[in-house]
Amino acid sequence: MRILIVEDDARLARGMDASMSAAGFAVDVVNSGEEALDALGTETFNVVVLDLGLPDIDGLEVLQELRRGGDATPVLILTARDALSDRIAGLDRGADDYLAKPFHPRELESRLRALIRRSQGTADPVLRVGDLSLDRSTRVVELKRSVLDLRRRELAVLETLMGRPGKVVTRQRLACEVFNFADAVAPNALEVYVGRLRRKLTPDGPTIRTIRGLGYMLEA
């Protein structure tokens, strides 16, 4: 899952980038409101972590502009402003959750996963396709009760496909959810990860079909 962190505190941004990347997210970081609106206007994210005290545009204005444009991406407000009036203002302008600084990275991770699940219409943290299961909270993948050893990006590809079983996931959508701005992506990177997954799912797991000219589909 791909997240956008909007935070002008460089040290805090680096810490969130490291902890959320280790948790399996593809992370992009920007440090101003203008950069946030530019990123959201050109890329697709599963969730946004938005600081209110930005150097150019107030975070609430960024949020308001996002919602005014019809963008329903879940937004978690992250700020040192802990007054009740600030929390109410953020939620009333379209925020989905609120976390005050300082915070523990594991709480942020848990809140982000919950927001993504709700946006996808499911409260269950476990994805299941046939005999394959993926627990999005523990990042454990099991096939017929045996744990599969998957690398981070293999897991990201699988999670995206399992979230849309029986439906075509375009190459562009898959790449957006697996890679961030800073990744040096080879032209055949997706094919490499899909090929590795196919080998690990054979013979008992679901089939990953290539839909020529479009993308991939996971079938039980």
N, C-alpha and C. Protein backbone atom coordinates (compact mmCIF):
# COMPACT_ATOMS: atom_id res chain seq x y z
N MET A 1 0.83 -1.19 0.00
CA MET A 1 0.00 0.00 0.00
C MET A 1 0.87 1.24 0.00
N ARG A 2 0.45 2.24 -0.74
CA ARG A 2 1.27 3.44 -0.92
C ARG A 2 0.72 4.59 -0.09
N ILE A 3 1.62 5.27 0.66
CA ILE A 3 1.18 6.38 1.49
C ILE A 3 1.99 7.63 1.15
N LEU A 4 1.35 8.77 1.36
CA LEU A 4 2.01 10.06 1.21
C LEU A 4 2.11 10.70 2.58
N ILE A 5 3.34 11.05 2.99
CA ILE A 5 3.57 11.74 4.24
C ILE A 5 3.87 13.21 3.94
N VAL A 6 3.09 14.09 4.51
CA VAL A 6 3.26 15.53 4.32
C VAL A 6 3.73 16.10 5.66
N GLU A 7 5.03 16.34 5.80
CA GLU A 7 5.62 16.73 7.08
C GLU A 7 6.87 17.56 6.84
N ASP A 8 6.92 18.76 7.44
CA ASP A 8 8.07 19.64 7.20
C ASP A 8 9.20 19.45 8.21
N ASP A 9 8.98 18.67 9.26
CA ASP A 9 10.05 18.35 10.21
C ASP A 9 10.87 17.21 9.61
N ALA A 10 12.06 17.52 9.11
CA ALA A 10 12.85 16.55 8.36
C ALA A 10 13.17 15.30 9.19
N ARG A 11 13.50 15.50 10.45
CA ARG A 11 13.86 14.35 11.30
C ARG A 11 12.66 13.44 11.50
N LEU A 12 11.50 14.02 11.80
CA LEU A 12 10.30 13.22 11.99
C LEU A 12 9.90 12.53 10.69
N ALA A 13 10.02 13.24 9.57
CA ALA A 13 9.67 12.66 8.27
C ALA A 13 10.55 11.46 7.95
N ARG A 14 11.86 11.58 8.22
CA ARG A 14 12.76 10.46 7.98
C ARG A 14 12.40 9.27 8.86
N GLY A 15 12.05 9.54 10.11
CA GLY A 15 11.67 8.46 11.01
C GLY A 15 10.41 7.74 10.55
N MET A 16 9.41 8.51 10.12
CA MET A 16 8.18 7.89 9.63
C MET A 16 8.43 7.12 8.35
N ASP A 17 9.25 7.67 7.47
CA ASP A 17 9.59 7.00 6.23
C ASP A 17 10.21 5.64 6.52
N ALA A 18 11.19 5.62 7.43
CA ALA A 18 11.88 4.37 7.76
C ALA A 18 10.94 3.36 8.41
N SER A 19 10.14 3.79 9.39
CA SER A 19 9.28 2.85 10.11
C SER A 19 8.13 2.34 9.24
N MET A 20 7.53 3.21 8.43
CA MET A 20 6.44 2.77 7.57
C MET A 20 6.93 1.91 6.41
N SER A 21 8.12 2.20 5.89
CA SER A 21 8.71 1.34 4.85
C SER A 21 8.99 -0.05 5.41
N ALA A 22 9.52 -0.10 6.64
CA ALA A 22 9.78 -1.38 7.27
C ALA A 22 8.49 -2.16 7.51
N ALA A 23 7.38 -1.44 7.67
CA ALA A 23 6.09 -2.09 7.90
C ALA A 23 5.44 -2.56 6.60
N GLY A 24 6.07 -2.29 5.46
CA GLY A 24 5.56 -2.80 4.19
C GLY A 24 4.89 -1.79 3.29
N PHE A 25 4.87 -0.52 3.68
CA PHE A 25 4.27 0.52 2.84
C PHE A 25 5.28 1.02 1.82
N ALA A 26 4.79 1.46 0.68
CA ALA A 26 5.59 2.25 -0.25
C ALA A 26 5.36 3.70 0.14
N VAL A 27 6.42 4.41 0.51
CA VAL A 27 6.29 5.72 1.15
C VAL A 27 6.87 6.84 0.28
N ASP A 28 6.10 7.91 0.13
CA ASP A 28 6.59 9.15 -0.48
C ASP A 28 6.47 10.25 0.57
N VAL A 29 7.47 11.13 0.61
CA VAL A 29 7.49 12.21 1.59
C VAL A 29 7.62 13.55 0.89
N VAL A 30 6.77 14.50 1.25
CA VAL A 30 6.90 15.89 0.80
C VAL A 30 6.83 16.77 2.04
N ASN A 31 7.36 18.01 1.93
CA ASN A 31 7.44 18.85 3.14
C ASN A 31 6.69 20.17 3.02
N SER A 32 5.79 20.29 2.04
CA SER A 32 5.00 21.51 1.92
C SER A 32 3.62 21.19 1.37
N GLY A 33 2.71 22.13 1.55
CA GLY A 33 1.36 21.95 1.05
C GLY A 33 1.30 21.92 -0.47
N GLU A 34 2.06 22.79 -1.12
CA GLU A 34 2.08 22.82 -2.58
C GLU A 34 2.56 21.49 -3.15
N GLU A 35 3.63 20.94 -2.56
CA GLU A 35 4.14 19.65 -3.03
C GLU A 35 3.11 18.55 -2.81
N ALA A 36 2.37 18.63 -1.71
CA ALA A 36 1.35 17.63 -1.42
C ALA A 36 0.26 17.66 -2.48
N LEU A 37 -0.24 18.86 -2.81
CA LEU A 37 -1.30 18.97 -3.81
C LEU A 37 -0.81 18.53 -5.18
N ASP A 38 0.45 18.84 -5.52
CA ASP A 38 1.02 18.39 -6.79
C ASP A 38 1.07 16.86 -6.84
N ALA A 39 1.56 16.24 -5.75
CA ALA A 39 1.68 14.79 -5.71
C ALA A 39 0.31 14.12 -5.81
N LEU A 40 -0.66 14.65 -5.08
CA LEU A 40 -2.00 14.07 -5.08
C LEU A 40 -2.73 14.29 -6.40
N GLY A 41 -2.29 15.31 -7.14
CA GLY A 41 -2.90 15.57 -8.43
C GLY A 41 -2.37 14.69 -9.54
N THR A 42 -1.23 14.03 -9.30
CA THR A 42 -0.61 13.22 -10.35
C THR A 42 -0.47 11.75 -10.01
N GLU A 43 -0.51 11.40 -8.72
CA GLU A 43 -0.30 10.03 -8.29
C GLU A 43 -1.48 9.53 -7.47
N THR A 44 -1.57 8.20 -7.32
CA THR A 44 -2.62 7.57 -6.53
C THR A 44 -2.02 7.04 -5.23
N PHE A 45 -2.64 7.40 -4.11
CA PHE A 45 -2.18 6.93 -2.80
C PHE A 45 -3.33 6.25 -2.08
N ASN A 46 -3.00 5.32 -1.19
CA ASN A 46 -4.02 4.66 -0.39
C ASN A 46 -4.41 5.48 0.83
N VAL A 47 -3.48 6.28 1.33
CA VAL A 47 -3.75 7.09 2.52
C VAL A 47 -2.73 8.22 2.59
N VAL A 48 -3.12 9.33 3.23
CA VAL A 48 -2.25 10.50 3.39
C VAL A 48 -2.08 10.80 4.87
N VAL A 49 -0.83 11.02 5.29
CA VAL A 49 -0.53 11.51 6.64
C VAL A 49 -0.21 12.99 6.49
N LEU A 50 -1.05 13.84 7.07
CA LEU A 50 -0.97 15.28 6.81
C LEU A 50 -0.70 16.07 8.09
N ASP A 51 0.45 16.75 8.11
CA ASP A 51 0.75 17.66 9.22
C ASP A 51 0.00 18.98 9.00
N LEU A 52 -0.43 19.60 10.07
CA LEU A 52 -1.15 20.87 9.93
C LEU A 52 -0.21 22.07 9.83
N GLY A 53 0.91 22.04 10.54
CA GLY A 53 1.81 23.19 10.57
C GLY A 53 2.82 23.19 9.45
N LEU A 54 2.36 23.37 8.24
CA LEU A 54 3.25 23.38 7.07
C LEU A 54 3.78 24.79 6.81
N PRO A 55 4.94 24.91 6.13
CA PRO A 55 5.56 26.23 5.97
C PRO A 55 4.87 27.16 4.99
N ASP A 56 4.07 26.62 4.06
CA ASP A 56 3.46 27.48 3.04
C ASP A 56 1.93 27.55 3.19
N ILE A 57 1.28 26.41 3.06
CA ILE A 57 -0.19 26.36 3.17
C ILE A 57 -0.54 25.57 4.42
N ASP A 58 -1.46 26.08 5.21
CA ASP A 58 -1.89 25.36 6.40
C ASP A 58 -2.48 24.01 6.00
N GLY A 59 -2.19 23.00 6.80
CA GLY A 59 -2.66 21.66 6.48
C GLY A 59 -4.16 21.56 6.30
N LEU A 60 -4.92 22.33 7.06
CA LEU A 60 -6.38 22.31 6.90
C LEU A 60 -6.80 22.84 5.54
N GLU A 61 -6.05 23.81 5.01
CA GLU A 61 -6.36 24.32 3.67
C GLU A 61 -6.04 23.27 2.61
N VAL A 62 -4.95 22.54 2.81
CA VAL A 62 -4.62 21.44 1.89
C VAL A 62 -5.74 20.41 1.90
N LEU A 63 -6.20 20.05 3.08
CA LEU A 63 -7.28 19.08 3.20
C LEU A 63 -8.55 19.58 2.53
N GLN A 64 -8.88 20.85 2.76
CA GLN A 64 -10.09 21.42 2.16
C GLN A 64 -10.01 21.43 0.64
N GLU A 65 -8.85 21.78 0.11
CA GLU A 65 -8.65 21.79 -1.35
C GLU A 65 -8.77 20.38 -1.92
N LEU A 66 -8.24 19.41 -1.20
CA LEU A 66 -8.32 18.02 -1.64
C LEU A 66 -9.77 17.56 -1.73
N ARG A 67 -10.54 17.83 -0.70
CA ARG A 67 -11.94 17.39 -0.68
C ARG A 67 -12.78 18.19 -1.67
N ARG A 68 -12.46 19.47 -1.84
CA ARG A 68 -13.20 20.29 -2.80
C ARG A 68 -13.06 19.74 -4.22
N GLY A 69 -11.90 19.14 -4.49
CA GLY A 69 -11.67 18.56 -5.81
C GLY A 69 -12.23 17.17 -5.98
N GLY A 70 -12.91 16.66 -4.95
CA GLY A 70 -13.54 15.35 -5.06
C GLY A 70 -12.64 14.18 -4.73
N ASP A 71 -11.44 14.45 -4.18
CA ASP A 71 -10.51 13.38 -3.83
C ASP A 71 -10.91 12.79 -2.48
N ALA A 72 -11.24 11.49 -2.46
CA ALA A 72 -11.71 10.83 -1.23
C ALA A 72 -10.63 10.02 -0.55
N THR A 73 -9.36 10.21 -0.92
CA THR A 73 -8.27 9.48 -0.29
C THR A 73 -8.32 9.68 1.23
N PRO A 74 -8.25 8.59 2.02
CA PRO A 74 -8.27 8.74 3.47
C PRO A 74 -7.11 9.63 3.95
N VAL A 75 -7.40 10.51 4.90
CA VAL A 75 -6.41 11.44 5.43
C VAL A 75 -6.34 11.32 6.95
N LEU A 76 -5.14 11.09 7.46
CA LEU A 76 -4.90 11.12 8.90
C LEU A 76 -4.13 12.39 9.22
N ILE A 77 -4.71 13.22 10.06
CA ILE A 77 -4.05 14.45 10.47
C ILE A 77 -3.07 14.14 11.59
N LEU A 78 -1.84 14.63 11.41
CA LEU A 78 -0.78 14.43 12.39
C LEU A 78 -0.26 15.80 12.79
N THR A 79 -0.42 16.15 14.07
CA THR A 79 -0.07 17.51 14.45
C THR A 79 0.17 17.64 15.95
N ALA A 80 0.86 18.70 16.31
CA ALA A 80 1.08 19.02 17.72
C ALA A 80 -0.08 19.82 18.29
N ARG A 81 -1.00 20.28 17.42
CA ARG A 81 -2.17 21.03 17.87
C ARG A 81 -3.17 20.04 18.46
N ASP A 82 -3.27 20.02 19.77
CA ASP A 82 -4.12 19.01 20.39
C ASP A 82 -5.38 19.61 21.02
N ALA A 83 -5.67 20.86 20.70
CA ALA A 83 -6.88 21.48 21.24
C ALA A 83 -8.12 20.85 20.60
N LEU A 84 -9.18 20.77 21.36
CA LEU A 84 -10.42 20.18 20.86
C LEU A 84 -10.90 20.89 19.61
N SER A 85 -10.78 22.22 19.56
CA SER A 85 -11.24 22.97 18.39
C SER A 85 -10.47 22.59 17.13
N ASP A 86 -9.17 22.30 17.28
CA ASP A 86 -8.37 21.89 16.12
C ASP A 86 -8.80 20.51 15.62
N ARG A 87 -9.05 19.59 16.55
CA ARG A 87 -9.49 18.25 16.15
C ARG A 87 -10.84 18.33 15.43
N ILE A 88 -11.74 19.12 15.98
CA ILE A 88 -13.06 19.26 15.35
C ILE A 88 -12.94 19.88 13.96
N ALA A 89 -12.10 20.91 13.83
CA ALA A 89 -11.92 21.58 12.54
C ALA A 89 -11.39 20.61 11.49
N GLY A 90 -10.42 19.78 11.88
CA GLY A 90 -9.86 18.82 10.93
C GLY A 90 -10.88 17.78 10.50
N LEU A 91 -11.62 17.24 11.44
CA LEU A 91 -12.62 16.22 11.10
C LEU A 91 -13.76 16.81 10.29
N ASP A 92 -14.18 18.02 10.62
CA ASP A 92 -15.26 18.66 9.88
C ASP A 92 -14.87 18.99 8.45
N ARG A 93 -13.59 19.19 8.19
CA ARG A 93 -13.16 19.52 6.83
C ARG A 93 -12.81 18.28 6.01
N GLY A 94 -13.03 17.10 6.58
CA GLY A 94 -12.88 15.89 5.78
C GLY A 94 -11.80 14.93 6.20
N ALA A 95 -11.14 15.17 7.33
CA ALA A 95 -10.14 14.21 7.80
C ALA A 95 -10.84 12.94 8.28
N ASP A 96 -10.11 11.82 8.20
CA ASP A 96 -10.68 10.53 8.60
C ASP A 96 -10.18 10.08 9.97
N ASP A 97 -9.07 10.62 10.41
CA ASP A 97 -8.53 10.26 11.72
C ASP A 97 -7.58 11.36 12.17
N TYR A 98 -7.18 11.30 13.44
CA TYR A 98 -6.39 12.37 14.04
C TYR A 98 -5.41 11.74 15.02
N LEU A 99 -4.12 12.07 14.91
CA LEU A 99 -3.12 11.55 15.83
C LEU A 99 -2.22 12.69 16.27
N ALA A 100 -2.14 12.88 17.59
CA ALA A 100 -1.35 13.99 18.13
C ALA A 100 0.10 13.58 18.34
N LYS A 101 1.01 14.52 18.13
CA LYS A 101 2.42 14.30 18.42
C LYS A 101 2.65 14.52 19.91
N PRO A 102 3.57 13.78 20.53
CA PRO A 102 4.35 12.66 19.96
C PRO A 102 3.49 11.39 19.89
N PHE A 103 3.91 10.44 19.10
CA PHE A 103 3.14 9.22 18.91
C PHE A 103 4.11 8.06 18.73
N HIS A 104 3.58 6.85 18.84
CA HIS A 104 4.39 5.65 18.62
C HIS A 104 4.20 5.19 17.18
N PRO A 105 5.29 4.83 16.47
CA PRO A 105 5.15 4.40 15.08
C PRO A 105 4.16 3.25 14.89
N ARG A 106 4.08 2.35 15.85
CA ARG A 106 3.17 1.21 15.70
C ARG A 106 1.71 1.65 15.75
N GLU A 107 1.42 2.71 16.52
CA GLU A 107 0.05 3.22 16.53
C GLU A 107 -0.28 3.86 15.19
N LEU A 108 0.68 4.61 14.63
CA LEU A 108 0.45 5.21 13.32
C LEU A 108 0.22 4.12 12.28
N GLU A 109 1.05 3.09 12.29
CA GLU A 109 0.90 1.99 11.33
C GLU A 109 -0.48 1.35 11.46
N SER A 110 -0.90 1.08 12.70
CA SER A 110 -2.19 0.44 12.92
C SER A 110 -3.35 1.31 12.43
N ARG A 111 -3.27 2.61 12.70
CA ARG A 111 -4.33 3.52 12.26
C ARG A 111 -4.39 3.60 10.73
N LEU A 112 -3.23 3.61 10.08
CA LEU A 112 -3.21 3.68 8.62
C LEU A 112 -3.81 2.43 8.00
N ARG A 113 -3.47 1.27 8.54
CA ARG A 113 -4.03 0.04 8.00
C ARG A 113 -5.55 0.00 8.19
N ALA A 114 -6.02 0.50 9.34
CA ALA A 114 -7.47 0.54 9.58
C ALA A 114 -8.16 1.47 8.58
N LEU A 115 -7.56 2.62 8.30
CA LEU A 115 -8.14 3.55 7.34
C LEU A 115 -8.21 2.93 5.95
N ILE A 116 -7.15 2.22 5.57
CA ILE A 116 -7.12 1.59 4.24
C ILE A 116 -8.18 0.50 4.17
N ARG A 117 -8.31 -0.30 5.23
CA ARG A 117 -9.34 -1.35 5.21
C ARG A 117 -10.73 -0.75 5.05
N ARG A 118 -11.02 0.30 5.80
CA ARG A 118 -12.35 0.91 5.71
C ARG A 118 -12.60 1.50 4.33
N SER A 119 -11.56 2.10 3.74
CA SER A 119 -11.73 2.68 2.40
C SER A 119 -11.99 1.60 1.35
N GLN A 120 -11.53 0.37 1.63
CA GLN A 120 -11.74 -0.74 0.70
C GLN A 120 -12.99 -1.54 1.03
N GLY A 121 -13.73 -1.09 2.06
CA GLY A 121 -15.00 -1.71 2.37
C GLY A 121 -14.91 -2.98 3.17
N THR A 122 -13.82 -3.18 3.92
CA THR A 122 -13.69 -4.38 4.74
C THR A 122 -13.07 -4.03 6.08
N ALA A 123 -13.58 -4.67 7.14
CA ALA A 123 -13.03 -4.46 8.48
C ALA A 123 -12.07 -5.57 8.87
N ASP A 124 -12.10 -6.68 8.13
CA ASP A 124 -11.26 -7.84 8.45
C ASP A 124 -9.83 -7.58 7.99
N PRO A 125 -8.84 -7.69 8.89
CA PRO A 125 -7.45 -7.47 8.48
C PRO A 125 -6.88 -8.60 7.63
N VAL A 126 -7.59 -9.72 7.55
CA VAL A 126 -7.08 -10.88 6.82
C VAL A 126 -7.74 -10.97 5.44
N LEU A 127 -6.90 -10.98 4.39
CA LEU A 127 -7.37 -11.21 3.03
C LEU A 127 -7.29 -12.71 2.74
N ARG A 128 -8.31 -13.25 2.07
CA ARG A 128 -8.32 -14.67 1.75
C ARG A 128 -8.75 -14.88 0.31
N VAL A 129 -7.98 -15.69 -0.39
CA VAL A 129 -8.34 -16.13 -1.74
C VAL A 129 -8.04 -17.62 -1.80
N GLY A 130 -9.08 -18.44 -1.83
CA GLY A 130 -8.87 -19.88 -1.79
C GLY A 130 -8.17 -20.28 -0.50
N ASP A 131 -7.09 -21.05 -0.62
CA ASP A 131 -6.33 -21.51 0.55
C ASP A 131 -5.22 -20.54 0.93
N LEU A 132 -5.21 -19.38 0.30
CA LEU A 132 -4.18 -18.38 0.57
C LEU A 132 -4.74 -17.30 1.48
N SER A 133 -3.97 -16.93 2.51
CA SER A 133 -4.40 -15.85 3.40
C SER A 133 -3.24 -14.90 3.64
N LEU A 134 -3.58 -13.62 3.82
CA LEU A 134 -2.59 -12.59 4.12
C LEU A 134 -3.13 -11.75 5.26
N ASP A 135 -2.45 -11.78 6.39
CA ASP A 135 -2.85 -10.96 7.54
C ASP A 135 -2.14 -9.61 7.39
N ARG A 136 -2.93 -8.56 7.12
CA ARG A 136 -2.34 -7.25 6.87
C ARG A 136 -1.79 -6.59 8.11
N SER A 137 -2.15 -7.08 9.29
CA SER A 137 -1.60 -6.50 10.52
C SER A 137 -0.27 -7.13 10.90
N THR A 138 -0.11 -8.42 10.66
CA THR A 138 1.15 -9.10 11.01
C THR A 138 2.05 -9.30 9.80
N ARG A 139 1.51 -9.11 8.58
CA ARG A 139 2.24 -9.31 7.33
C ARG A 139 2.60 -10.77 7.10
N VAL A 140 1.84 -11.68 7.67
CA VAL A 140 2.09 -13.12 7.52
C VAL A 140 1.21 -13.68 6.40
N VAL A 141 1.84 -14.40 5.47
CA VAL A 141 1.12 -15.03 4.36
C VAL A 141 1.17 -16.54 4.55
N GLU A 142 0.00 -17.18 4.49
CA GLU A 142 -0.06 -18.63 4.64
C GLU A 142 -0.77 -19.26 3.45
N LEU A 143 -0.26 -20.39 3.01
CA LEU A 143 -0.89 -21.18 1.95
C LEU A 143 -1.08 -22.58 2.50
N LYS A 144 -2.33 -22.98 2.66
CA LYS A 144 -2.66 -24.27 3.28
C LYS A 144 -1.96 -24.42 4.61
N ARG A 145 -2.01 -23.33 5.41
CA ARG A 145 -1.47 -23.29 6.78
C ARG A 145 0.06 -23.30 6.83
N SER A 146 0.72 -23.24 5.69
CA SER A 146 2.18 -23.14 5.67
C SER A 146 2.56 -21.69 5.37
N VAL A 147 3.49 -21.14 6.14
CA VAL A 147 3.90 -19.75 5.97
C VAL A 147 4.79 -19.60 4.75
N LEU A 148 4.47 -18.63 3.90
CA LEU A 148 5.30 -18.35 2.73
C LEU A 148 6.31 -17.26 3.06
N ASP A 149 7.52 -17.43 2.57
CA ASP A 149 8.58 -16.45 2.77
C ASP A 149 8.59 -15.50 1.57
N LEU A 150 8.05 -14.28 1.78
CA LEU A 150 7.97 -13.30 0.70
C LEU A 150 8.79 -12.07 1.03
N ARG A 151 9.45 -11.52 0.03
CA ARG A 151 10.16 -10.26 0.21
C ARG A 151 9.15 -9.12 0.19
N ARG A 152 9.63 -7.93 0.62
CA ARG A 152 8.72 -6.80 0.83
C ARG A 152 7.90 -6.48 -0.41
N ARG A 153 8.53 -6.38 -1.56
CA ARG A 153 7.78 -5.98 -2.76
C ARG A 153 6.95 -7.13 -3.32
N GLU A 154 7.39 -8.35 -3.13
CA GLU A 154 6.54 -9.48 -3.49
C GLU A 154 5.25 -9.44 -2.67
N LEU A 155 5.40 -9.13 -1.39
CA LEU A 155 4.23 -9.02 -0.51
C LEU A 155 3.33 -7.87 -0.94
N ALA A 156 3.92 -6.76 -1.35
CA ALA A 156 3.13 -5.60 -1.79
C ALA A 156 2.33 -5.94 -3.05
N VAL A 157 2.95 -6.64 -3.99
CA VAL A 157 2.24 -7.05 -5.21
C VAL A 157 1.10 -8.00 -4.85
N LEU A 158 1.38 -8.97 -3.99
CA LEU A 158 0.36 -9.95 -3.62
C LEU A 158 -0.80 -9.27 -2.89
N GLU A 159 -0.51 -8.36 -1.97
CA GLU A 159 -1.56 -7.68 -1.23
C GLU A 159 -2.48 -6.90 -2.17
N THR A 160 -1.90 -6.24 -3.15
CA THR A 160 -2.71 -5.47 -4.10
C THR A 160 -3.60 -6.40 -4.92
N LEU A 161 -3.07 -7.53 -5.38
CA LEU A 161 -3.86 -8.46 -6.18
C LEU A 161 -4.93 -9.15 -5.33
N MET A 162 -4.59 -9.49 -4.08
CA MET A 162 -5.57 -10.14 -3.21
C MET A 162 -6.70 -9.19 -2.80
N GLY A 163 -6.43 -7.91 -2.84
CA GLY A 163 -7.47 -6.94 -2.52
C GLY A 163 -8.50 -6.81 -3.63
N ARG A 164 -8.20 -7.37 -4.81
CA ARG A 164 -9.12 -7.30 -5.96
C ARG A 164 -9.19 -8.66 -6.66
N PRO A 165 -9.55 -9.71 -5.95
CA PRO A 165 -9.56 -11.04 -6.58
C PRO A 165 -10.56 -11.12 -7.71
N GLY A 166 -10.14 -11.76 -8.79
CA GLY A 166 -11.03 -11.91 -9.93
C GLY A 166 -11.20 -10.67 -10.77
N LYS A 167 -10.45 -9.61 -10.45
CA LYS A 167 -10.53 -8.37 -11.21
C LYS A 167 -9.15 -8.01 -11.77
N VAL A 168 -9.16 -7.37 -12.91
CA VAL A 168 -7.90 -6.96 -13.53
C VAL A 168 -7.31 -5.78 -12.77
N VAL A 169 -6.05 -5.90 -12.39
CA VAL A 169 -5.30 -4.80 -11.79
C VAL A 169 -4.31 -4.33 -12.85
N THR A 170 -4.47 -3.10 -13.30
CA THR A 170 -3.61 -2.61 -14.37
C THR A 170 -2.16 -2.51 -13.90
N ARG A 171 -1.25 -2.57 -14.86
CA ARG A 171 0.17 -2.43 -14.53
C ARG A 171 0.43 -1.09 -13.85
N GLN A 172 -0.22 -0.04 -14.34
CA GLN A 172 -0.02 1.28 -13.75
C GLN A 172 -0.48 1.32 -12.31
N ARG A 173 -1.66 0.76 -12.03
CA ARG A 173 -2.18 0.74 -10.66
C ARG A 173 -1.27 -0.07 -9.75
N LEU A 174 -0.81 -1.21 -10.24
CA LEU A 174 0.06 -2.07 -9.44
C LEU A 174 1.38 -1.36 -9.14
N ALA A 175 1.94 -0.70 -10.14
CA ALA A 175 3.20 0.02 -9.93
C ALA A 175 3.02 1.16 -8.94
N CYS A 176 1.88 1.86 -9.01
CA CYS A 176 1.63 2.99 -8.11
C CYS A 176 1.57 2.54 -6.65
N GLU A 177 1.07 1.32 -6.41
CA GLU A 177 0.92 0.85 -5.04
C GLU A 177 2.16 0.16 -4.50
N VAL A 178 3.10 -0.18 -5.40
CA VAL A 178 4.29 -0.93 -4.98
C VAL A 178 5.53 -0.05 -4.90
N PHE A 179 5.66 0.91 -5.82
CA PHE A 179 6.87 1.72 -5.91
C PHE A 179 6.58 3.17 -5.51
N ASN A 180 7.60 3.84 -4.95
CA ASN A 180 7.45 5.26 -4.63
C ASN A 180 8.28 6.10 -5.59
N PHE A 181 8.27 7.44 -5.37
CA PHE A 181 8.97 8.36 -6.27
C PHE A 181 10.46 8.03 -6.39
N ALA A 182 11.07 7.63 -5.28
CA ALA A 182 12.53 7.47 -5.23
C ALA A 182 13.01 6.13 -5.77
N ASP A 183 12.10 5.19 -6.00
CA ASP A 183 12.52 3.87 -6.46
C ASP A 183 13.03 3.92 -7.89
N ALA A 184 14.19 3.30 -8.10
CA ALA A 184 14.72 3.14 -9.46
C ALA A 184 14.11 1.86 -10.02
N VAL A 185 13.10 2.00 -10.85
CA VAL A 185 12.31 0.85 -11.30
C VAL A 185 12.74 0.43 -12.70
N ALA A 186 13.19 -0.81 -12.82
CA ALA A 186 13.55 -1.36 -14.12
C ALA A 186 12.27 -1.61 -14.93
N PRO A 187 12.35 -1.57 -16.27
CA PRO A 187 11.15 -1.75 -17.09
C PRO A 187 10.42 -3.07 -16.83
N ASN A 188 11.17 -4.11 -16.46
CA ASN A 188 10.54 -5.42 -16.24
C ASN A 188 10.39 -5.76 -14.76
N ALA A 189 10.42 -4.75 -13.89
CA ALA A 189 10.38 -5.01 -12.44
C ALA A 189 9.13 -5.75 -12.03
N LEU A 190 7.96 -5.33 -12.51
CA LEU A 190 6.72 -6.00 -12.12
C LEU A 190 6.71 -7.45 -12.57
N GLU A 191 7.20 -7.70 -13.78
CA GLU A 191 7.23 -9.07 -14.27
C GLU A 191 8.10 -9.96 -13.39
N VAL A 192 9.20 -9.38 -12.89
CA VAL A 192 10.10 -10.14 -12.02
C VAL A 192 9.39 -10.54 -10.73
N TYR A 193 8.71 -9.58 -10.10
CA TYR A 193 8.02 -9.88 -8.83
C TYR A 193 6.85 -10.82 -9.05
N VAL A 194 6.11 -10.63 -10.13
CA VAL A 194 4.99 -11.52 -10.42
C VAL A 194 5.50 -12.94 -10.69
N GLY A 195 6.61 -13.05 -11.41
CA GLY A 195 7.19 -14.36 -11.68
C GLY A 195 7.61 -15.08 -10.41
N ARG A 196 8.21 -14.35 -9.48
CA ARG A 196 8.61 -14.95 -8.20
C ARG A 196 7.39 -15.42 -7.42
N LEU A 197 6.33 -14.59 -7.42
CA LEU A 197 5.11 -14.97 -6.71
C LEU A 197 4.49 -16.22 -7.32
N ARG A 198 4.45 -16.31 -8.63
CA ARG A 198 3.87 -17.48 -9.29
C ARG A 198 4.58 -18.75 -8.85
N ARG A 199 5.91 -18.69 -8.78
CA ARG A 199 6.67 -19.87 -8.38
C ARG A 199 6.36 -20.27 -6.93
N LYS A 200 6.19 -19.27 -6.07
CA LYS A 200 5.94 -19.56 -4.66
C LYS A 200 4.50 -20.03 -4.41
N LEU A 201 3.58 -19.65 -5.29
CA LEU A 201 2.19 -20.07 -5.14
C LEU A 201 1.89 -21.42 -5.79
N THR A 202 2.80 -21.88 -6.65
CA THR A 202 2.61 -23.16 -7.35
C THR A 202 2.98 -24.32 -6.43
N PRO A 203 2.20 -25.42 -6.43
CA PRO A 203 1.02 -25.69 -7.26
C PRO A 203 -0.30 -25.47 -6.54
N ASP A 204 -0.27 -25.13 -5.25
CA ASP A 204 -1.50 -25.16 -4.45
C ASP A 204 -2.23 -23.83 -4.34
N GLY A 205 -1.59 -22.74 -4.75
CA GLY A 205 -2.18 -21.43 -4.53
C GLY A 205 -2.99 -20.93 -5.71
N PRO A 206 -3.55 -19.73 -5.57
CA PRO A 206 -4.28 -19.09 -6.66
C PRO A 206 -3.35 -18.84 -7.85
N THR A 207 -3.95 -18.65 -9.01
CA THR A 207 -3.20 -18.39 -10.23
C THR A 207 -3.17 -16.89 -10.52
N ILE A 208 -1.99 -16.39 -10.87
CA ILE A 208 -1.87 -15.00 -11.31
C ILE A 208 -1.86 -15.01 -12.84
N ARG A 209 -2.95 -14.53 -13.41
CA ARG A 209 -3.07 -14.49 -14.88
C ARG A 209 -2.57 -13.17 -15.42
N THR A 210 -1.85 -13.23 -16.53
CA THR A 210 -1.46 -12.02 -17.25
C THR A 210 -2.56 -11.69 -18.25
N ILE A 211 -3.13 -10.50 -18.14
CA ILE A 211 -4.14 -10.04 -19.09
C ILE A 211 -3.41 -9.13 -20.07
N ARG A 212 -3.11 -9.67 -21.23
CA ARG A 212 -2.23 -8.99 -22.18
C ARG A 212 -2.72 -7.57 -22.50
N GLY A 213 -1.78 -6.65 -22.38
CA GLY A 213 -2.07 -5.26 -22.69
C GLY A 213 -2.73 -4.49 -21.55
N LEU A 214 -3.09 -5.20 -20.46
CA LEU A 214 -3.78 -4.54 -19.36
C LEU A 214 -3.03 -4.68 -18.04
N GLY A 215 -2.89 -5.91 -17.56
CA GLY A 215 -2.25 -6.09 -16.26
C GLY A 215 -2.35 -7.52 -15.80
N TYR A 216 -2.79 -7.71 -14.53
CA TYR A 216 -2.80 -9.03 -13.93
C TYR A 216 -4.10 -9.26 -13.17
N MET A 217 -4.44 -10.56 -13.00
CA MET A 217 -5.63 -10.93 -12.26
C MET A 217 -5.31 -12.13 -11.39
N LEU A 218 -5.77 -12.11 -10.14
CA LEU A 218 -5.58 -13.25 -9.23
C LEU A 218 -6.83 -14.09 -9.23
N GLU A 219 -6.69 -15.37 -9.55
CA GLU A 219 -7.82 -16.29 -9.61
C GLU A 219 -7.62 -17.44 -8.63
N ALA A 220 -8.67 -17.80 -7.89
CA ALA A 220 -8.59 -18.95 -6.99
C ALA A 220 -8.54 -20.22 -7.83
